[in-house]
């Protein structure tokens, strides 16, 4: 059975290209289906304000614990 709460991580260059094309530094980049928060992290690394929304609290917690130290320093 398909678990709709699992995410499919994708390479950072995909959101990076879109963020560079559609936003300027210090603007807000919203990802309403954050999953592993790749888009929000890439936005942060590009000088934007990355905002991610994830309804699954366990997935949210997992993503934050995984990424907070390794990606944001």
PDB file of N, CA and C in Angstrom:
ATOM      1  N   UNK A   1       0.830  -1.177   0.000  1.00  0.00           N
ATOM      2  CA  UNK A   1       0.000   0.000   0.000  1.00  0.00           C
ATOM      3  C   UNK A   1       0.881   1.249   0.000  1.00  0.00           C
ATOM      4  N   UNK A   2       0.491   2.246  -0.749  1.00  0.00           N
ATOM      5  CA  UNK A   2       1.227   3.490  -0.866  1.00  0.00           C
ATOM      6  C   UNK A   2       1.075   4.330   0.396  1.00  0.00           C
ATOM      7  N   UNK A   3       2.191   4.765   0.942  1.00  0.00           N
ATOM      8  CA  UNK A   3       2.172   5.649   2.103  1.00  0.00           C
ATOM      9  C   UNK A   3       2.269   7.084   1.600  1.00  0.00           C
ATOM     10  N   UNK A   4       1.168   7.812   1.660  1.00  0.00           N
ATOM     11  CA  UNK A   4       1.142   9.162   1.103  1.00  0.00           C
ATOM     12  C   UNK A   4       1.952  10.157   1.921  1.00  0.00           C
ATOM     13  N   UNK A   5       2.441   9.749   3.081  1.00  0.00           N
ATOM     14  CA  UNK A   5       3.210  10.660   3.914  1.00  0.00           C
ATOM     15  C   UNK A   5       4.709  10.533   3.696  1.00  0.00           C
ATOM     16  N   UNK A   6       5.127   9.624   2.838  1.00  0.00           N
ATOM     17  CA  UNK A   6       6.538   9.509   2.502  1.00  0.00           C
ATOM     18  C   UNK A   6       6.855  10.532   1.427  1.00  0.00           C
ATOM     19  N   UNK A   7       8.071  11.029   1.449  1.00  0.00           N
ATOM     20  CA  UNK A   7       8.471  11.997   0.441  1.00  0.00           C
ATOM     21  C   UNK A   7       9.481  11.374  -0.501  1.00  0.00           C
ATOM     22  N   UNK A   8       9.621  11.983  -1.635  1.00  0.00           N
ATOM     23  CA  UNK A   8      10.619  11.567  -2.607  1.00  0.00           C
ATOM     24  C   UNK A   8      11.652  12.685  -2.697  1.00  0.00           C
ATOM     25  N   UNK A   9      12.765  12.554  -1.981  1.00  0.00           N
ATOM     26  CA  UNK A   9      13.776  13.608  -2.029  1.00  0.00           C
ATOM     27  C   UNK A   9      14.271  13.816  -3.454  1.00  0.00           C
ATOM     28  N   UNK A  10      14.596  15.034  -3.769  1.00  0.00           N
ATOM     29  CA  UNK A  10      15.098  15.331  -5.099  1.00  0.00           C
ATOM     30  C   UNK A  10      16.357  16.175  -4.974  1.00  0.00           C
ATOM     31  N   UNK A  11      17.145  16.232  -6.056  1.00  0.00           N
ATOM     32  CA  UNK A  11      18.400  16.981  -6.006  1.00  0.00           C
ATOM     33  C   UNK A  11      18.159  18.459  -5.709  1.00  0.00           C
ATOM     34  N   UNK A  12      19.091  19.062  -4.995  1.00  0.00           N
ATOM     35  CA  UNK A  12      18.950  20.462  -4.618  1.00  0.00           C
ATOM     36  C   UNK A  12      18.982  21.404  -5.811  1.00  0.00           C
ATOM     37  N   UNK A  13      19.543  20.972  -6.935  1.00  0.00           N
ATOM     38  CA  UNK A  13      19.617  21.876  -8.087  1.00  0.00           C
ATOM     39  C   UNK A  13      18.247  22.167  -8.704  1.00  0.00           C
ATOM     40  N   UNK A  14      17.264  21.316  -8.460  1.00  0.00           N
ATOM     41  CA  UNK A  14      15.917  21.563  -9.000  1.00  0.00           C
ATOM     42  C   UNK A  14      15.277  22.771  -8.315  1.00  0.00           C
ATOM     43  N   UNK A  15      15.145  22.790  -6.982  1.00  0.00           N
ATOM     44  CA  UNK A  15      14.587  23.998  -6.372  1.00  0.00           C
ATOM     45  C   UNK A  15      15.519  25.206  -6.495  1.00  0.00           C
ATOM     46  N   UNK A  16      16.822  24.968  -6.544  1.00  0.00           N
ATOM     47  CA  UNK A  16      17.767  26.081  -6.673  1.00  0.00           C
ATOM     48  C   UNK A  16      17.500  26.884  -7.942  1.00  0.00           C
ATOM     49  N   UNK A  17      17.303  26.203  -9.045  1.00  0.00           N
ATOM     50  CA  UNK A  17      17.037  26.874 -10.313  1.00  0.00           C
ATOM     51  C   UNK A  17      15.751  27.703 -10.230  1.00  0.00           C
ATOM     52  N   UNK A  18      14.691  27.119  -9.679  1.00  0.00           N
ATOM     53  CA  UNK A  18      13.411  27.825  -9.571  1.00  0.00           C
ATOM     54  C   UNK A  18      13.508  29.013  -8.613  1.00  0.00           C
ATOM     55  N   UNK A  19      14.191  28.832  -7.503  1.00  0.00           N
ATOM     56  CA  UNK A  19      14.328  29.906  -6.517  1.00  0.00           C
ATOM     57  C   UNK A  19      15.101  31.080  -7.110  1.00  0.00           C
ATOM     58  N   UNK A  20      16.190  30.794  -7.809  1.00  0.00           N
ATOM     59  CA  UNK A  20      16.978  31.864  -8.431  1.00  0.00           C
ATOM     60  C   UNK A  20      16.175  32.604  -9.495  1.00  0.00           C
ATOM     61  N   UNK A  21      15.351  31.878 -10.232  1.00  0.00           N
ATOM     62  CA  UNK A  21      14.595  32.474 -11.333  1.00  0.00           C
ATOM     63  C   UNK A  21      13.402  33.283 -10.843  1.00  0.00           C
ATOM     64  N   UNK A  22      12.728  32.817  -9.801  1.00  0.00           N
ATOM     65  CA  UNK A  22      11.460  33.415  -9.379  1.00  0.00           C
ATOM     66  C   UNK A  22      11.518  34.260  -8.107  1.00  0.00           C
ATOM     67  N   UNK A  23      12.700  34.441  -7.511  1.00  0.00           N
ATOM     68  CA  UNK A  23      12.765  35.243  -6.284  1.00  0.00           C
ATOM     69  C   UNK A  23      14.074  36.015  -6.215  1.00  0.00           C
ATOM     70  N   UNK A  24      14.077  36.974  -5.313  1.00  0.00           N
ATOM     71  CA  UNK A  24      15.265  37.781  -5.039  1.00  0.00           C
ATOM     72  C   UNK A  24      15.714  37.513  -3.606  1.00  0.00           C
ATOM     73  N   UNK A  25      16.996  37.808  -3.303  1.00  0.00           N
ATOM     74  CA  UNK A  25      17.457  37.645  -1.925  1.00  0.00           C
ATOM     75  C   UNK A  25      16.551  38.388  -0.940  1.00  0.00           C
ATOM     76  N   UNK A  26      16.400  37.802   0.217  1.00  0.00           N
ATOM     77  CA  UNK A  26      15.578  38.312   1.325  1.00  0.00           C
ATOM     78  C   UNK A  26      14.079  38.170   1.101  1.00  0.00           C
ATOM     79  N   UNK A  27      13.659  37.568   0.011  1.00  0.00           N
ATOM     80  CA  UNK A  27      12.235  37.298  -0.188  1.00  0.00           C
ATOM     81  C   UNK A  27      11.872  35.958   0.439  1.00  0.00           C
ATOM     82  N   UNK A  28      10.580  35.755   0.644  1.00  0.00           N
ATOM     83  CA  UNK A  28      10.079  34.507   1.218  1.00  0.00           C
ATOM     84  C   UNK A  28       9.832  33.497   0.107  1.00  0.00           C
ATOM     85  N   UNK A  29      10.309  32.279   0.320  1.00  0.00           N
ATOM     86  CA  UNK A  29      10.045  31.157  -0.578  1.00  0.00           C
ATOM     87  C   UNK A  29       9.211  30.154   0.211  1.00  0.00           C
ATOM     88  N   UNK A  30       7.997  29.893  -0.248  1.00  0.00           N
ATOM     89  CA  UNK A  30       7.069  29.004   0.450  1.00  0.00           C
ATOM     90  C   UNK A  30       6.985  27.657  -0.248  1.00  0.00           C
ATOM     91  N   UNK A  31       7.149  26.597   0.524  1.00  0.00           N
ATOM     92  CA  UNK A  31       6.950  25.234   0.035  1.00  0.00           C
ATOM     93  C   UNK A  31       5.817  24.622   0.854  1.00  0.00           C
ATOM     94  N   UNK A  32       4.603  24.551   0.289  1.00  0.00           N
ATOM     95  CA  UNK A  32       3.454  24.069   1.057  1.00  0.00           C
ATOM     96  C   UNK A  32       3.435  22.559   1.288  1.00  0.00           C
ATOM     97  N   UNK A  33       4.337  21.831   0.649  1.00  0.00           N
ATOM     98  CA  UNK A  33       4.434  20.374   0.829  1.00  0.00           C
ATOM     99  C   UNK A  33       5.894  20.049   1.122  1.00  0.00           C
ATOM    100  N   UNK A  34       6.384  20.459   2.268  1.00  0.00           N
ATOM    101  CA  UNK A  34       7.812  20.504   2.545  1.00  0.00           C
ATOM    102  C   UNK A  34       8.516  19.149   2.538  1.00  0.00           C
ATOM    103  N   UNK A  35       7.894  18.120   3.062  1.00  0.00           N
ATOM    104  CA  UNK A  35       8.548  16.808   3.076  1.00  0.00           C
ATOM    105  C   UNK A  35       9.862  16.845   3.817  1.00  0.00           C
ATOM    106  N   UNK A  36      10.970  16.764   3.097  1.00  0.00           N
ATOM    107  CA  UNK A  36      12.289  16.782   3.727  1.00  0.00           C
ATOM    108  C   UNK A  36      12.869  18.192   3.829  1.00  0.00           C
ATOM    109  N   UNK A  37      12.097  19.194   3.461  1.00  0.00           N
ATOM    110  CA  UNK A  37      12.468  20.609   3.574  1.00  0.00           C
ATOM    111  C   UNK A  37      13.634  21.002   2.679  1.00  0.00           C
ATOM    112  N   UNK A  38      13.840  20.264   1.597  1.00  0.00           N
ATOM    113  CA  UNK A  38      14.917  20.590   0.664  1.00  0.00           C
ATOM    114  C   UNK A  38      14.768  22.003   0.124  1.00  0.00           C
ATOM    115  N   UNK A  39      13.564  22.373  -0.303  1.00  0.00           N
ATOM    116  CA  UNK A  39      13.351  23.694  -0.897  1.00  0.00           C
ATOM    117  C   UNK A  39      13.615  24.805   0.109  1.00  0.00           C
ATOM    118  N   UNK A  40      13.142  24.664   1.328  1.00  0.00           N
ATOM    119  CA  UNK A  40      13.358  25.694   2.350  1.00  0.00           C
ATOM    120  C   UNK A  40      14.836  25.839   2.684  1.00  0.00           C
ATOM    121  N   UNK A  41      15.558  24.744   2.728  1.00  0.00           N
ATOM    122  CA  UNK A  41      16.987  24.783   3.028  1.00  0.00           C
ATOM    123  C   UNK A  41      17.758  25.435   1.894  1.00  0.00           C
ATOM    124  N   UNK A  42      17.438  25.069   0.661  1.00  0.00           N
ATOM    125  CA  UNK A  42      18.093  25.691  -0.493  1.00  0.00           C
ATOM    126  C   UNK A  42      17.797  27.190  -0.514  1.00  0.00           C
ATOM    127  N   UNK A  43      16.561  27.563  -0.231  1.00  0.00           N
ATOM    128  CA  UNK A  43      16.199  28.984  -0.178  1.00  0.00           C
ATOM    129  C   UNK A  43      17.060  29.709   0.856  1.00  0.00           C
ATOM    130  N   UNK A  44      17.193  29.125   2.019  1.00  0.00           N
ATOM    131  CA  UNK A  44      18.032  29.711   3.078  1.00  0.00           C
ATOM    132  C   UNK A  44      19.470  29.882   2.592  1.00  0.00           C
ATOM    133  N   UNK A  45      20.005  28.858   1.959  1.00  0.00           N
ATOM    134  CA  UNK A  45      21.382  28.903   1.472  1.00  0.00           C
ATOM    135  C   UNK A  45      21.579  29.933   0.370  1.00  0.00           C
ATOM    136  N   UNK A  46      20.502  30.318  -0.312  1.00  0.00           N
ATOM    137  CA  UNK A  46      20.567  31.328  -1.374  1.00  0.00           C
ATOM    138  C   UNK A  46      20.191  32.723  -0.869  1.00  0.00           C
ATOM    139  N   UNK A  47      20.067  32.877   0.443  1.00  0.00           N
ATOM    140  CA  UNK A  47      19.780  34.182   1.014  1.00  0.00           C
ATOM    141  C   UNK A  47      18.314  34.563   1.012  1.00  0.00           C
ATOM    142  N   UNK A  48      17.445  33.573   0.848  1.00  0.00           N
ATOM    143  CA  UNK A  48      16.008  33.810   0.926  1.00  0.00           C
ATOM    144  C   UNK A  48      15.502  33.328   2.288  1.00  0.00           C
ATOM    145  N   UNK A  49      14.256  33.611   2.562  1.00  0.00           N
ATOM    146  CA  UNK A  49      13.616  33.128   3.781  1.00  0.00           C
ATOM    147  C   UNK A  49      12.805  31.899   3.392  1.00  0.00           C
ATOM    148  N   UNK A  50      13.285  30.736   3.734  1.00  0.00           N
ATOM    149  CA  UNK A  50      12.615  29.489   3.369  1.00  0.00           C
ATOM    150  C   UNK A  50      11.562  29.105   4.387  1.00  0.00           C
ATOM    151  N   UNK A  51      10.333  28.925   3.927  1.00  0.00           N
ATOM    152  CA  UNK A  51       9.226  28.525   4.789  1.00  0.00           C
ATOM    153  C   UNK A  51       8.640  27.235   4.237  1.00  0.00           C
ATOM    154  N   UNK A  52       8.593  26.216   5.059  1.00  0.00           N
ATOM    155  CA  UNK A  52       8.023  24.943   4.641  1.00  0.00           C
ATOM    156  C   UNK A  52       6.860  24.549   5.522  1.00  0.00           C
ATOM    157  N   UNK A  53       5.855  23.941   4.917  1.00  0.00           N
ATOM    158  CA  UNK A  53       4.687  23.449   5.649  1.00  0.00           C
ATOM    159  C   UNK A  53       4.625  21.939   5.470  1.00  0.00           C
ATOM    160  N   UNK A  54       4.564  21.226   6.569  1.00  0.00           N
ATOM    161  CA  UNK A  54       4.440  19.767   6.537  1.00  0.00           C
ATOM    162  C   UNK A  54       3.387  19.370   7.561  1.00  0.00           C
ATOM    163  N   UNK A  55       2.310  18.757   7.109  1.00  0.00           N
ATOM    164  CA  UNK A  55       1.209  18.393   8.001  1.00  0.00           C
ATOM    165  C   UNK A  55       1.502  17.177   8.871  1.00  0.00           C
ATOM    166  N   UNK A  56       2.333  16.283   8.387  1.00  0.00           N
ATOM    167  CA  UNK A  56       2.657  15.079   9.145  1.00  0.00           C
ATOM    168  C   UNK A  56       3.691  15.430  10.214  1.00  0.00           C
ATOM    169  N   UNK A  57       3.265  15.447  11.475  1.00  0.00           N
ATOM    170  CA  UNK A  57       4.160  15.896  12.545  1.00  0.00           C
ATOM    171  C   UNK A  57       5.375  14.996  12.722  1.00  0.00           C
ATOM    172  N   UNK A  58       5.231  13.697  12.478  1.00  0.00           N
ATOM    173  CA  UNK A  58       6.377  12.797  12.589  1.00  0.00           C
ATOM    174  C   UNK A  58       7.383  13.068  11.481  1.00  0.00           C
ATOM    175  N   UNK A  59       6.891  13.299  10.271  1.00  0.00           N
ATOM    176  CA  UNK A  59       7.765  13.617   9.141  1.00  0.00           C
ATOM    177  C   UNK A  59       8.458  14.957   9.373  1.00  0.00           C
ATOM    178  N   UNK A  60       7.714  15.920   9.903  1.00  0.00           N
ATOM    179  CA  UNK A  60       8.286  17.230  10.220  1.00  0.00           C
ATOM    180  C   UNK A  60       9.436  17.083  11.212  1.00  0.00           C
ATOM    181  N   UNK A  61       9.174  16.372  12.291  1.00  0.00           N
ATOM    182  CA  UNK A  61      10.187  16.165  13.331  1.00  0.00           C
ATOM    183  C   UNK A  61      11.415  15.462  12.751  1.00  0.00           C
ATOM    184  N   UNK A  62      11.192  14.434  11.960  1.00  0.00           N
ATOM    185  CA  UNK A  62      12.293  13.689  11.345  1.00  0.00           C
ATOM    186  C   UNK A  62      13.138  14.596  10.450  1.00  0.00           C
ATOM    187  N   UNK A  63      12.481  15.393   9.640  1.00  0.00           N
ATOM    188  CA  UNK A  63      13.197  16.279   8.719  1.00  0.00           C
ATOM    189  C   UNK A  63      13.999  17.334   9.468  1.00  0.00           C
ATOM    190  N   UNK A  64      13.412  17.903  10.496  1.00  0.00           N
ATOM    191  CA  UNK A  64      14.115  18.927  11.267  1.00  0.00           C
ATOM    192  C   UNK A  64      15.342  18.332  11.954  1.00  0.00           C
ATOM    193  N   UNK A  65      15.172  17.202  12.606  1.00  0.00           N
ATOM    194  CA  UNK A  65      16.304  16.583  13.292  1.00  0.00           C
ATOM    195  C   UNK A  65      17.411  16.209  12.321  1.00  0.00           C
ATOM    196  N   UNK A  66      17.042  15.759  11.145  1.00  0.00           N
ATOM    197  CA  UNK A  66      18.030  15.351  10.148  1.00  0.00           C
ATOM    198  C   UNK A  66      18.777  16.549   9.567  1.00  0.00           C
ATOM    199  N   UNK A  67      18.061  17.634   9.340  1.00  0.00           N
ATOM    200  CA  UNK A  67      18.633  18.744   8.586  1.00  0.00           C
ATOM    201  C   UNK A  67      19.178  19.900   9.404  1.00  0.00           C
ATOM    202  N   UNK A  68      18.707  20.104  10.590  1.00  0.00           N
ATOM    203  CA  UNK A  68      19.051  21.328  11.310  1.00  0.00           C
ATOM    204  C   UNK A  68      20.560  21.500  11.486  1.00  0.00           C
ATOM    205  N   UNK A  69      21.253  20.464  11.847  1.00  0.00           N
ATOM    206  CA  UNK A  69      22.696  20.576  12.045  1.00  0.00           C
ATOM    207  C   UNK A  69      23.486  20.408  10.759  1.00  0.00           C
ATOM    208  N   UNK A  70      23.082  19.478   9.910  1.00  0.00           N
ATOM    209  CA  UNK A  70      23.878  19.187   8.725  1.00  0.00           C
ATOM    210  C   UNK A  70      23.760  20.243   7.639  1.00  0.00           C
ATOM    211  N   UNK A  71      22.606  20.868   7.489  1.00  0.00           N
ATOM    212  CA  UNK A  71      22.403  21.811   6.392  1.00  0.00           C
ATOM    213  C   UNK A  71      22.513  23.271   6.806  1.00  0.00           C
ATOM    214  N   UNK A  72      22.036  23.598   7.991  1.00  0.00           N
ATOM    215  CA  UNK A  72      21.989  24.998   8.394  1.00  0.00           C
ATOM    216  C   UNK A  72      23.160  25.413   9.278  1.00  0.00           C
ATOM    217  N   UNK A  73      23.866  24.422   9.802  1.00  0.00           N
ATOM    218  CA  UNK A  73      25.031  24.708  10.626  1.00  0.00           C
ATOM    219  C   UNK A  73      24.663  25.228  11.927  1.00  0.00           C
TER     220      UNK A  73
END
